[in-house]
C-alpha atoms as a PDB file:
ATOM      1  CA  UNK A   1     -34.415  -2.504 -26.980  1.00  0.00           C
ATOM      2  CA  UNK A   2     -33.812  -2.964 -23.129  1.00  0.00           C
ATOM      3  CA  UNK A   3     -29.030  -3.695 -22.903  1.00  0.00           C
ATOM      4  CA  UNK A   4     -27.525  -5.885 -20.977  1.00  0.00           C
ATOM      5  CA  UNK A   5     -25.307  -2.236 -18.581  1.00  0.00           C
ATOM      6  CA  UNK A   6     -22.319  -4.063 -18.808  1.00  0.00           C
ATOM      7  CA  UNK A   7     -22.572  -4.745 -22.689  1.00  0.00           C
ATOM      8  CA  UNK A   8     -23.048  -1.661 -23.755  1.00  0.00           C
ATOM      9  CA  UNK A   9     -21.150   1.683 -23.518  1.00  0.00           C
ATOM     10  CA  UNK A  10     -22.240   4.536 -24.823  1.00  0.00           C
ATOM     11  CA  UNK A  11     -20.036   6.466 -26.946  1.00  0.00           C
ATOM     12  CA  UNK A  12     -20.079  10.154 -28.663  1.00  0.00           C
ATOM     13  CA  UNK A  13     -18.950   9.796 -32.146  1.00  0.00           C
ATOM     14  CA  UNK A  14     -17.208   6.946 -34.650  1.00  0.00           C
ATOM     15  CA  UNK A  15     -18.120   3.676 -33.918  1.00  0.00           C
ATOM     16  CA  UNK A  16     -15.777   3.273 -36.930  1.00  0.00           C
ATOM     17  CA  UNK A  17     -12.174   4.604 -34.314  1.00  0.00           C
ATOM     18  CA  UNK A  18     -12.402   2.940 -31.798  1.00  0.00           C
ATOM     19  CA  UNK A  19     -12.613  -1.647 -33.558  1.00  0.00           C
ATOM     20  CA  UNK A  20     -12.633  -3.553 -30.832  1.00  0.00           C
ATOM     21  CA  UNK A  21     -16.293  -1.824 -29.136  1.00  0.00           C
ATOM     22  CA  UNK A  22     -19.289  -3.372 -30.267  1.00  0.00           C
ATOM     23  CA  UNK A  23     -21.915  -2.320 -31.289  1.00  0.00           C
ATOM     24  CA  UNK A  24     -22.925   1.770 -29.307  1.00  0.00           C
ATOM     25  CA  UNK A  25     -26.882   3.102 -28.491  1.00  0.00           C
ATOM     26  CA  UNK A  26     -26.420   6.585 -29.271  1.00  0.00           C
ATOM     27  CA  UNK A  27     -27.742  10.008 -27.029  1.00  0.00           C
ATOM     28  CA  UNK A  28     -26.581  13.396 -27.383  1.00  0.00           C
ATOM     29  CA  UNK A  29     -23.796  14.491 -24.914  1.00  0.00           C
ATOM     30  CA  UNK A  30     -22.123  17.623 -24.859  1.00  0.00           C
ATOM     31  CA  UNK A  31     -18.625  16.711 -25.761  1.00  0.00           C
ATOM     32  CA  UNK A  32     -15.871  18.025 -23.228  1.00  0.00           C
ATOM     33  CA  UNK A  33     -15.188  21.802 -23.401  1.00  0.00           C
ATOM     34  CA  UNK A  34     -11.248  22.608 -24.860  1.00  0.00           C
ATOM     35  CA  UNK A  35     -10.265  24.045 -21.872  1.00  0.00           C
ATOM     36  CA  UNK A  36     -11.523  21.321 -19.456  1.00  0.00           C
ATOM     37  CA  UNK A  37      -8.525  19.028 -22.041  1.00  0.00           C
ATOM     38  CA  UNK A  38      -5.826  21.857 -21.871  1.00  0.00           C
ATOM     39  CA  UNK A  39      -6.496  20.889 -17.428  1.00  0.00           C
ATOM     40  CA  UNK A  40      -5.905  17.625 -17.743  1.00  0.00           C
ATOM     41  CA  UNK A  41      -1.838  16.945 -17.380  1.00  0.00           C
ATOM     42  CA  UNK A  42      -1.560  15.046 -20.544  1.00  0.00           C
ATOM     43  CA  UNK A  43      -2.738  18.088 -22.909  1.00  0.00           C
ATOM     44  CA  UNK A  44      -1.365  20.804 -20.798  1.00  0.00           C
ATOM     45  CA  UNK A  45       1.213  21.524 -23.008  1.00  0.00           C
ATOM     46  CA  UNK A  46      -1.432  22.409 -25.855  1.00  0.00           C
ATOM     47  CA  UNK A  47      -1.831  25.212 -27.662  1.00  0.00           C
ATOM     48  CA  UNK A  48      -5.512  26.195 -28.873  1.00  0.00           C
ATOM     49  CA  UNK A  49      -5.517  25.352 -31.822  1.00  0.00           C
ATOM     50  CA  UNK A  50      -3.963  20.811 -31.004  1.00  0.00           C
ATOM     51  CA  UNK A  51      -6.755  20.876 -28.409  1.00  0.00           C
ATOM     52  CA  UNK A  52      -9.163  21.915 -31.068  1.00  0.00           C
ATOM     53  CA  UNK A  53      -7.373  18.834 -32.840  1.00  0.00           C
ATOM     54  CA  UNK A  54      -7.321  16.240 -29.996  1.00  0.00           C
ATOM     55  CA  UNK A  55     -11.078  17.241 -30.052  1.00  0.00           C
ATOM     56  CA  UNK A  56     -11.717  16.050 -33.188  1.00  0.00           C
ATOM     57  CA  UNK A  57      -9.630  11.989 -32.888  1.00  0.00           C
ATOM     58  CA  UNK A  58     -11.151  11.182 -29.732  1.00  0.00           C
ATOM     59  CA  UNK A  59     -14.640   9.434 -29.234  1.00  0.00           C
ATOM     60  CA  UNK A  60     -15.892   9.832 -25.457  1.00  0.00           C
ATOM     61  CA  UNK A  61     -17.449   6.983 -24.591  1.00  0.00           C
ATOM     62  CA  UNK A  62     -19.843   6.030 -21.181  1.00  0.00           C
ATOM     63  CA  UNK A  63     -19.098   2.647 -19.170  1.00  0.00           C
ATOM     64  CA  UNK A  64     -20.845   0.987 -16.331  1.00  0.00           C
ATOM     65  CA  UNK A  65     -18.433  -0.415 -13.524  1.00  0.00           C
ATOM     66  CA  UNK A  66     -17.702  -4.108 -14.071  1.00  0.00           C
ATOM     67  CA  UNK A  67     -16.755  -2.977 -18.044  1.00  0.00           C
ATOM     68  CA  UNK A  68     -13.410  -3.581 -19.395  1.00  0.00           C
ATOM     69  CA  UNK A  69     -11.084  -1.786 -21.183  1.00  0.00           C
ATOM     70  CA  UNK A  70      -8.511  -3.418 -22.091  1.00  0.00           C
ATOM     71  CA  UNK A  71      -8.014  -7.672 -20.916  1.00  0.00           C
ATOM     72  CA  UNK A  72      -4.478  -8.766 -21.130  1.00  0.00           C
ATOM     73  CA  UNK A  73      -3.261 -10.563 -23.417  1.00  0.00           C
ATOM     74  CA  UNK A  74      -5.317  -8.925 -26.564  1.00  0.00           C
ATOM     75  CA  UNK A  75      -4.248  -7.272 -28.964  1.00  0.00           C
ATOM     76  CA  UNK A  76      -3.901  -3.372 -28.064  1.00  0.00           C
ATOM     77  CA  UNK A  77      -5.921  -1.319 -30.333  1.00  0.00           C
ATOM     78  CA  UNK A  78      -6.789   2.152 -28.593  1.00  0.00           C
ATOM     79  CA  UNK A  79      -5.419   4.899 -25.964  1.00  0.00           C
ATOM     80  CA  UNK A  80      -7.924   6.021 -23.416  1.00  0.00           C
ATOM     81  CA  UNK A  81      -7.742   9.420 -20.866  1.00  0.00           C
ATOM     82  CA  UNK A  82      -9.720   8.945 -17.820  1.00  0.00           C
ATOM     83  CA  UNK A  83     -12.014  11.897 -18.478  1.00  0.00           C
ATOM     84  CA  UNK A  84     -14.012  11.001 -14.631  1.00  0.00           C
ATOM     85  CA  UNK A  85     -14.372   7.866 -12.278  1.00  0.00           C
ATOM     86  CA  UNK A  86     -12.300   4.934 -11.956  1.00  0.00           C
ATOM     87  CA  UNK A  87     -10.327   2.231 -13.532  1.00  0.00           C
ATOM     88  CA  UNK A  88      -8.465  -0.953 -11.523  1.00  0.00           C
ATOM     89  CA  UNK A  89      -5.250  -2.111 -13.305  1.00  0.00           C
ATOM     90  CA  UNK A  90      -4.413  -5.758 -12.968  1.00  0.00           C
ATOM     91  CA  UNK A  91      -2.142  -8.809 -13.747  1.00  0.00           C
ATOM     92  CA  UNK A  92      -3.108 -12.360 -13.496  1.00  0.00           C
ATOM     93  CA  UNK A  93      -6.388 -11.166 -11.702  1.00  0.00           C
ATOM     94  CA  UNK A  94      -4.556  -9.536  -9.155  1.00  0.00           C
ATOM     95  CA  UNK A  95      -5.526  -5.859  -8.692  1.00  0.00           C
ATOM     96  CA  UNK A  96      -2.230  -3.559  -8.407  1.00  0.00           C
ATOM     97  CA  UNK A  97      -3.448  -0.018  -8.634  1.00  0.00           C
ATOM     98  CA  UNK A  98      -6.352   2.421  -9.756  1.00  0.00           C
ATOM     99  CA  UNK A  99      -5.916   5.242 -11.979  1.00  0.00           C
ATOM    100  CA  UNK A 100      -8.418   8.005 -12.099  1.00  0.00           C
ATOM    101  CA  UNK A 101      -9.346  11.059 -13.301  1.00  0.00           C
ATOM    102  CA  UNK A 102      -6.619  12.910 -15.866  1.00  0.00           C
ATOM    103  CA  UNK A 103      -4.876   9.511 -16.359  1.00  0.00           C
ATOM    104  CA  UNK A 104      -4.367   7.966 -19.574  1.00  0.00           C
ATOM    105  CA  UNK A 105      -2.807   3.580 -20.638  1.00  0.00           C
ATOM    106  CA  UNK A 106      -3.235   1.846 -23.671  1.00  0.00           C
ATOM    107  CA  UNK A 107      -0.121   3.229 -25.191  1.00  0.00           C
ATOM    108  CA  UNK A 108       2.563   1.152 -24.178  1.00  0.00           C
ATOM    109  CA  UNK A 109       1.103  -1.400 -26.990  1.00  0.00           C
ATOM    110  CA  UNK A 110       0.430   1.257 -29.360  1.00  0.00           C
ATOM    111  CA  UNK A 111       4.072   1.973 -29.396  1.00  0.00           C
ATOM    112  CA  UNK A 112       5.697  -1.500 -28.841  1.00  0.00           C
ATOM    113  CA  UNK A 113       2.870  -3.823 -30.949  1.00  0.00           C
ATOM    114  CA  UNK A 114       2.132  -5.793 -29.028  1.00  0.00           C
ATOM    115  CA  UNK A 115      -0.619  -7.328 -26.393  1.00  0.00           C
ATOM    116  CA  UNK A 116      -2.283  -5.942 -23.627  1.00  0.00           C
ATOM    117  CA  UNK A 117      -0.037  -6.551 -20.312  1.00  0.00           C
ATOM    118  CA  UNK A 118      -2.233  -6.408 -18.464  1.00  0.00           C
ATOM    119  CA  UNK A 119      -6.506  -5.393 -17.950  1.00  0.00           C
ATOM    120  CA  UNK A 120      -8.401  -2.025 -17.116  1.00  0.00           C
ATOM    121  CA  UNK A 121     -11.660  -2.569 -15.276  1.00  0.00           C
ATOM    122  CA  UNK A 122     -14.104   0.374 -15.025  1.00  0.00           C
ATOM    123  CA  UNK A 123     -14.214   0.636 -10.871  1.00  0.00           C
ATOM    124  CA  UNK A 124     -17.014   3.398 -11.012  1.00  0.00           C
ATOM    125  CA  UNK A 125     -19.209   4.771 -13.606  1.00  0.00           C
ATOM    126  CA  UNK A 126     -16.816   6.814 -16.152  1.00  0.00           C
ATOM    127  CA  UNK A 127     -16.553   8.430 -19.514  1.00  0.00           C
ATOM    128  CA  UNK A 128     -13.424   8.415 -20.975  1.00  0.00           C
ATOM    129  CA  UNK A 129     -11.719   9.655 -24.729  1.00  0.00           C
ATOM    130  CA  UNK A 130     -10.498   7.073 -26.902  1.00  0.00           C
ATOM    131  CA  UNK A 131      -8.122   7.300 -29.292  1.00  0.00           C
ATOM    132  CA  UNK A 132      -7.305   3.890 -31.716  1.00  0.00           C
ATOM    133  CA  UNK A 133      -4.462   2.867 -33.167  1.00  0.00           C
ATOM    134  CA  UNK A 134      -4.585   6.065 -36.688  1.00  0.00           C
ATOM    135  CA  UNK A 135      -5.852   8.532 -33.990  1.00  0.00           C
ATOM    136  CA  UNK A 136      -3.559   8.569 -31.667  1.00  0.00           C
ATOM    137  CA  UNK A 137      -0.740   8.315 -34.626  1.00  0.00           C
ATOM    138  CA  UNK A 138      -2.014  11.579 -35.869  1.00  0.00           C
ATOM    139  CA  UNK A 139      -2.336  13.084 -31.887  1.00  0.00           C
ATOM    140  CA  UNK A 140       1.496  12.645 -31.174  1.00  0.00           C
ATOM    141  CA  UNK A 141       2.031  14.472 -34.585  1.00  0.00           C
ATOM    142  CA  UNK A 142      -0.683  16.981 -34.494  1.00  0.00           C
ATOM    143  CA  UNK A 143      -0.003  18.225 -30.631  1.00  0.00           C
ATOM    144  CA  UNK A 144       4.545  16.608 -29.770  1.00  0.00           C
ATOM    145  CA  UNK A 145       4.124  17.727 -26.288  1.00  0.00           C
ATOM    146  CA  UNK A 146       2.116  14.657 -25.825  1.00  0.00           C
ATOM    147  CA  UNK A 147       4.603  12.593 -26.614  1.00  0.00           C
ATOM    148  CA  UNK A 148       7.365  14.212 -24.116  1.00  0.00           C
ATOM    149  CA  UNK A 149       4.173  14.376 -21.387  1.00  0.00           C
ATOM    150  CA  UNK A 150       3.658  10.132 -21.644  1.00  0.00           C
ATOM    151  CA  UNK A 151       7.956   9.729 -21.334  1.00  0.00           C
ATOM    152  CA  UNK A 152       7.630  11.331 -18.812  1.00  0.00           C
ATOM    153  CA  UNK A 153       4.407   9.386 -17.101  1.00  0.00           C
ATOM    154  CA  UNK A 154       6.625   6.190 -17.977  1.00  0.00           C
ATOM    155  CA  UNK A 155       9.520   7.042 -16.160  1.00  0.00           C
ATOM    156  CA  UNK A 156       7.670   7.757 -13.299  1.00  0.00           C
ATOM    157  CA  UNK A 157       5.908   4.072 -13.459  1.00  0.00           C
ATOM    158  CA  UNK A 158       9.431   2.879 -13.862  1.00  0.00           C
ATOM    159  CA  UNK A 159      10.889   4.271 -10.610  1.00  0.00           C
ATOM    160  CA  UNK A 160       7.650   3.298  -9.258  1.00  0.00           C
ATOM    161  CA  UNK A 161       9.581  -0.002 -10.085  1.00  0.00           C
ATOM    162  CA  UNK A 162      12.598   0.863  -9.825  1.00  0.00           C
ATOM    163  CA  UNK A 163      11.415   1.050  -5.731  1.00  0.00           C
ATOM    164  CA  UNK A 164       9.071  -1.758  -5.275  1.00  0.00           C
ATOM    165  CA  UNK A 165      11.661  -3.846  -6.349  1.00  0.00           C
ATOM    166  CA  UNK A 166      14.504  -2.889  -3.555  1.00  0.00           C
ATOM    167  CA  UNK A 167      11.765  -2.916  -1.644  1.00  0.00           C
ATOM    168  CA  UNK A 168      11.591  -6.343  -2.509  1.00  0.00           C
ATOM    169  CA  UNK A 169      14.548  -7.583  -2.530  1.00  0.00           C
ATOM    170  CA  UNK A 170      15.327  -6.435   0.706  1.00  0.00           C
ATOM    171  CA  UNK A 171      12.433  -8.883   2.484  1.00  0.00           C
ATOM    172  CA  UNK A 172      13.951 -11.790   0.310  1.00  0.00           C
ATOM    173  CA  UNK A 173      17.301 -10.514   2.322  1.00  0.00           C
ATOM    174  CA  UNK A 174      15.673 -10.995   5.574  1.00  0.00           C
ATOM    175  CA  UNK A 175      13.110 -14.219   5.051  1.00  0.00           C
ATOM    176  CA  UNK A 176      16.429 -15.783   3.384  1.00  0.00           C
ATOM    177  CA  UNK A 177      18.763 -14.784   6.771  1.00  0.00           C
ATOM    178  CA  UNK A 178      16.130 -15.617   8.952  1.00  0.00           C
ATOM    179  CA  UNK A 179      15.965 -19.331   7.540  1.00  0.00           C
ATOM    180  CA  UNK A 180      19.649 -19.578   7.915  1.00  0.00           C
ATOM    181  CA  UNK A 181      19.523 -18.399  11.385  1.00  0.00           C
ATOM    182  CA  UNK A 182      20.178 -21.185  13.657  1.00  0.00           C
ATOM    183  CA  UNK A 183      16.583 -22.142  15.827  1.00  0.00           C
ATOM    184  CA  UNK A 184      16.496 -21.048  19.306  1.00  0.00           C
ATOM    185  CA  UNK A 185      15.416 -23.414  22.306  1.00  0.00           C
ATOM    186  CA  UNK A 186      12.939 -21.715  24.146  1.00  0.00           C
ATOM    187  CA  UNK A 187      12.788 -24.053  27.678  1.00  0.00           C
ATOM    188  CA  UNK A 188       9.645 -23.045  28.497  1.00  0.00           C
ATOM    189  CA  UNK A 189       7.939 -24.278  25.081  1.00  0.00           C
ATOM    190  CA  UNK A 190       9.794 -27.826  25.083  1.00  0.00           C
ATOM    191  CA  UNK A 191       8.002 -27.750  28.625  1.00  0.00           C
ATOM    192  CA  UNK A 192       4.585 -27.169  27.531  1.00  0.00           C
ATOM    193  CA  UNK A 193       4.442 -29.070  25.093  1.00  0.00           C
ATOM    194  CA  UNK A 194       5.669 -32.244  26.678  1.00  0.00           C
ATOM    195  CA  UNK A 195       3.274 -31.427  28.883  1.00  0.00           C
ATOM    196  CA  UNK A 196       0.104 -31.446  26.126  1.00  0.00           C
ATOM    197  CA  UNK A 197       1.703 -34.332  24.701  1.00  0.00           C
ATOM    198  CA  UNK A 198       1.425 -35.995  28.048  1.00  0.00           C
ATOM    199  CA  UNK A 199      -2.095 -35.801  28.475  1.00  0.00           C
END
């Protein structure tokens, strides 16, 4: 039976762990090696035993470009780690930045239950590891270093947001100064305008 490329990502693992994904077609795939997981920044502080447990908690999903992994305003249910490919993060339909291999997303809504604050869409074909809410909690219990890595990620994001806010404040001040500055009459421009109006 044929399927639409955007409606049927391919999954390896139990569909029970990713409740918001549709019924998925299955195919034989090689799971990422434990060594590869250990090379990802998020899992860099984990032991081989912890990585083996994490691998067992995750579900591998392959998606096509255009697949929406997280939708703004939807209930948070999963955490994602990108193995391959890129995703675009957008708010109110405006693209903000791009995520790539080794980066993760989706933890905010699981740590602080609520709706998603942004939409994440596959910009290319992607392979991601998906953790349901229970598996995400289990991962943090199995490997506490991951909580530290996630905290570092948030600190980095807060610094970026703060720098952006400072930049915006500076632009706002410049705009207000320009608006308050008295207009300077350019005699040549005025003469040209009068000439045009008289034609």
